[in-house]
Each structure stands twice: as C-alpha cells, then as structure tokens.
C-alpha atoms as a PDB file:
ATOM      1  CA  MET A   1      14.312   3.912 -25.621  1.00  0.00           C
ATOM      2  CA  ILE A   2      16.442   3.138 -28.664  1.00  0.00           C
ATOM      3  CA  GLN A   3      17.888   6.650 -28.551  1.00  0.00           C
ATOM      4  CA  LEU A   4      19.084   6.039 -24.980  1.00  0.00           C
ATOM      5  CA  VAL A   5      20.756   2.795 -26.048  1.00  0.00           C
ATOM      6  CA  MET A   6      22.455   4.637 -28.902  1.00  0.00           C
ATOM      7  CA  ILE A   7      23.809   7.307 -26.538  1.00  0.00           C
ATOM      8  CA  VAL A   8      25.180   4.638 -24.207  1.00  0.00           C
ATOM      9  CA  LEU A   9      26.793   2.881 -27.158  1.00  0.00           C
ATOM     10  CA  PHE A  10      28.441   6.144 -28.220  1.00  0.00           C
ATOM     11  CA  ILE A  11      30.241   6.613 -24.891  1.00  0.00           C
ATOM     12  CA  LEU A  12      30.829   2.978 -23.865  1.00  0.00           C
ATOM     13  CA  PRO A  13      34.272   2.507 -25.527  1.00  0.00           C
ATOM     14  CA  LEU A  14      35.564   5.820 -24.176  1.00  0.00           C
ATOM     15  CA  VAL A  15      34.451   5.086 -20.610  1.00  0.00           C
ATOM     16  CA  PHE A  16      35.920   1.571 -20.858  1.00  0.00           C
ATOM     17  CA  GLN A  17      39.255   2.940 -22.076  1.00  0.00           C
ATOM     18  CA  ILE A  18      39.476   5.602 -19.386  1.00  0.00           C
ATOM     19  CA  ILE A  19      38.637   3.253 -16.505  1.00  0.00           C
ATOM     20  CA  VAL A  20      40.367   0.050 -17.567  1.00  0.00           C
ATOM     21  CA  GLY A  21      43.246   1.849 -19.307  1.00  0.00           C
ATOM     22  CA  THR A  22      44.070   3.710 -16.108  1.00  0.00           C
ATOM     23  CA  LYS A  23      44.015   0.440 -14.178  1.00  0.00           C
ATOM     24  CA  ALA A  24      46.315  -1.123 -16.781  1.00  0.00           C
ATOM     25  CA  ILE A  25      48.781   1.763 -16.456  1.00  0.00           C
ATOM     26  CA  ARG A  26      48.809   1.302 -12.674  1.00  0.00           C
ATOM     27  CA  HIS A  27      49.213  -2.479 -13.142  1.00  0.00           C
ATOM     28  CA  SER A  28      46.183  -3.219 -10.969  1.00  0.00           C
ATOM     29  CA  ILE A  29      44.764  -5.617 -13.605  1.00  0.00           C
ATOM     30  CA  SER A  30      46.391  -8.483 -15.447  1.00  0.00           C
ATOM     31  CA  LEU A  31      45.777  -7.087 -18.956  1.00  0.00           C
ATOM     32  CA  SER A  32      48.457  -4.967 -20.573  1.00  0.00           C
ATOM     33  CA  PHE A  33      47.650  -1.429 -21.645  1.00  0.00           C
ATOM     34  CA  TRP A  34      47.899  -2.268 -25.341  1.00  0.00           C
ATOM     35  CA  LYS A  35      45.477  -5.193 -24.980  1.00  0.00           C
ATOM     36  CA  VAL A  36      43.026  -2.884 -23.242  1.00  0.00           C
ATOM     37  CA  SER A  37      43.435  -0.367 -26.081  1.00  0.00           C
ATOM     38  CA  LEU A  38      42.818  -3.065 -28.688  1.00  0.00           C
ATOM     39  CA  ILE A  39      39.709  -4.241 -26.843  1.00  0.00           C
ATOM     40  CA  SER A  40      38.502  -0.643 -26.664  1.00  0.00           C
ATOM     41  CA  LEU A  41      38.977  -0.159 -30.414  1.00  0.00           C
ATOM     42  CA  LEU A  42      37.112  -3.405 -31.123  1.00  0.00           C
ATOM     43  CA  ILE A  43      34.273  -2.259 -28.866  1.00  0.00           C
ATOM     44  CA  GLN A  44      34.243   1.021 -30.818  1.00  0.00           C
ATOM     45  CA  LEU A  45      33.886  -0.880 -34.097  1.00  0.00           C
ATOM     46  CA  ILE A  46      31.119  -3.116 -32.727  1.00  0.00           C
ATOM     47  CA  THR A  47      29.184  -0.205 -31.220  1.00  0.00           C
ATOM     48  CA  THR A  48      29.496   1.738 -34.480  1.00  0.00           C
ATOM     49  CA  LEU A  49      27.930  -1.136 -36.369  1.00  0.00           C
ATOM     50  CA  GLY A  50      25.281  -1.490 -33.650  1.00  0.00           C
ATOM     51  CA  ASN A  51      24.391   2.204 -33.779  1.00  0.00           C
ATOM     52  CA  LEU A  52      24.143   2.149 -37.561  1.00  0.00           C
ATOM     53  CA  TRP A  53      21.859  -0.890 -37.348  1.00  0.00           C
ATOM     54  CA  LEU A  54      19.685   0.771 -34.683  1.00  0.00           C
ATOM     55  CA  MET A  55      19.404   3.924 -36.788  1.00  0.00           C
ATOM     56  CA  GLY A  56      18.385   1.770 -39.737  1.00  0.00           C
ATOM     57  CA  VAL A  57      15.644   0.240 -37.598  1.00  0.00           C
ATOM     58  CA  LEU A  58      14.447   3.703 -36.575  1.00  0.00           C
ATOM     59  CA  ILE A  59      14.429   4.871 -40.197  1.00  0.00           C
ATOM     60  CA  ARG A  60      12.409   1.854 -41.317  1.00  0.00           C
ATOM     61  CA  LYS A  61       9.831   2.530 -38.568  1.00  0.00           C
ATOM     62  CA  SER A  62       9.475   6.242 -39.374  1.00  0.00           C
ATOM     63  CA  ALA A  63       7.201   7.740 -41.969  1.00  0.00           C
ATOM     64  CA  SER A  64      10.030   9.370 -43.898  1.00  0.00           C
ATOM     65  CA  ARG A  65      12.490   6.931 -45.423  1.00  0.00           C
ATOM     66  CA  GLU A  66      15.367   9.386 -45.597  1.00  0.00           C
ATOM     67  CA  GLY A  67      18.768   7.857 -44.831  1.00  0.00           C
ATOM     68  CA  LEU A  68      20.546  11.100 -43.993  1.00  0.00           C
ATOM     69  CA  ALA A  69      20.398  10.240 -40.292  1.00  0.00           C
ATOM     70  CA  LEU A  70      22.778   7.360 -40.979  1.00  0.00           C
ATOM     71  CA  ILE A  71      25.366   9.876 -42.174  1.00  0.00           C
ATOM     72  CA  GLY A  72      24.868  11.829 -38.941  1.00  0.00           C
ATOM     73  CA  VAL A  73      25.391   8.736 -36.814  1.00  0.00           C
ATOM     74  CA  LEU A  74      28.491   7.855 -38.806  1.00  0.00           C
ATOM     75  CA  ALA A  75      29.870  11.384 -38.325  1.00  0.00           C
ATOM     76  CA  ILE A  76      29.273  11.237 -34.571  1.00  0.00           C
ATOM     77  CA  GLU A  77      30.945   7.834 -34.450  1.00  0.00           C
ATOM     78  CA  LEU A  78      33.983   9.241 -36.274  1.00  0.00           C
ATOM     79  CA  VAL A  79      34.224  12.014 -33.681  1.00  0.00           C
ATOM     80  CA  ALA A  80      33.854   9.461 -30.869  1.00  0.00           C
ATOM     81  CA  ALA A  81      36.573   7.287 -32.430  1.00  0.00           C
ATOM     82  CA  SER A  82      38.847  10.319 -32.745  1.00  0.00           C
ATOM     83  CA  VAL A  83      38.350  11.189 -29.074  1.00  0.00           C
ATOM     84  CA  LEU A  84      39.030   7.552 -28.168  1.00  0.00           C
ATOM     85  CA  LEU A  85      42.289   7.601 -30.150  1.00  0.00           C
ATOM     86  CA  VAL A  86      43.361  10.810 -28.427  1.00  0.00           C
ATOM     87  CA  VAL A  87      42.674   9.235 -25.011  1.00  0.00           C
ATOM     88  CA  ILE A  88      44.660   6.132 -25.999  1.00  0.00           C
ATOM     89  CA  LEU A  89      47.569   8.273 -27.185  1.00  0.00           C
ATOM     90  CA  ILE A  90      47.568  10.336 -23.991  1.00  0.00           C
ATOM     91  CA  GLN A  91      47.449   7.217 -21.831  1.00  0.00           C
ATOM     92  CA  GLY A  92      50.191   5.636 -23.944  1.00  0.00           C
ATOM     93  CA  TYR A  93      52.357   8.710 -23.435  1.00  0.00           C
ATOM     94  CA  ILE A  94      51.738   8.545 -19.677  1.00  0.00           C
ATOM     95  CA  LEU A  95      52.760   4.886 -19.694  1.00  0.00           C
ATOM     96  CA  TYR A  96      55.881   5.722 -21.742  1.00  0.00           C
ATOM     97  CA  ARG A  97      56.890   8.487 -19.335  1.00  0.00           C
ATOM     98  CA  LYS A  98      56.206   6.236 -16.347  1.00  0.00           C
ATOM     99  CA  LYS A  99      58.483   3.497 -17.709  1.00  0.00           C
ATOM    100  CA  ARG A 100      61.160   5.932 -18.882  1.00  0.00           C
ATOM    101  CA  LEU A 101      61.568   7.955 -15.701  1.00  0.00           C
ATOM    102  CA  PRO A 102      63.080   6.161 -12.711  1.00  0.00           C
ATOM    103  CA  ALA A 103      60.928   5.905  -9.613  1.00  0.00           C
ATOM    104  CA  ASP A 104      62.009   8.138  -6.748  1.00  0.00           C
END
C-alpha cells in the first residue's frame, strides 16, 4: 500500500501542473500561471520529503537495513522534478507566445 502512495506522490505535482497550468494559461481560473508553477514546485518539494520519509519507514520495517533505496527514490524525484521544470518551461513559452502574438 505504501508503494502505491509513493507512486501517486511521484506524479502528483506533474499532473497538477499540467491540469491547473493549462487552466491558468486559458485564464479559466483566478490564479496566475506563475503562482500555479510556484505551488507545483512546492508540492514537488513536499512530496519529495514525503517519499523519502515513506522509504525510510519501509527500510526500518524490512530485514535488511540498507539505505541504498533512499538514493533510488532521490534519483527518481530528481527526474520527476526535471520533467516538471520542462513542463513549466513549455507552458511558460506557450503563455509568452499567446501574449506576444495578437489575437486574430
């Protein structure tokens, strides 16, 4: 069950950014795009800490007390954060192009 929670925590910031960031670009919500991006990055930080804590709990419960799994979780979180930054940059570029080009 904890593994399922960890998987959800890995993808939560990315899904939030894609859904709410798109709504912010279309101006269908009251938050600005950059506030949504900041919230998404904060969620990424919180979920990273949560996943590291959950992995620590799993390591303490297991028979082997090897902490190498924490490095694996941290590496996956770095990849997830990189993908999140790429999505934010792409959405920011879309917003820039939308504001720069006149509407037809």
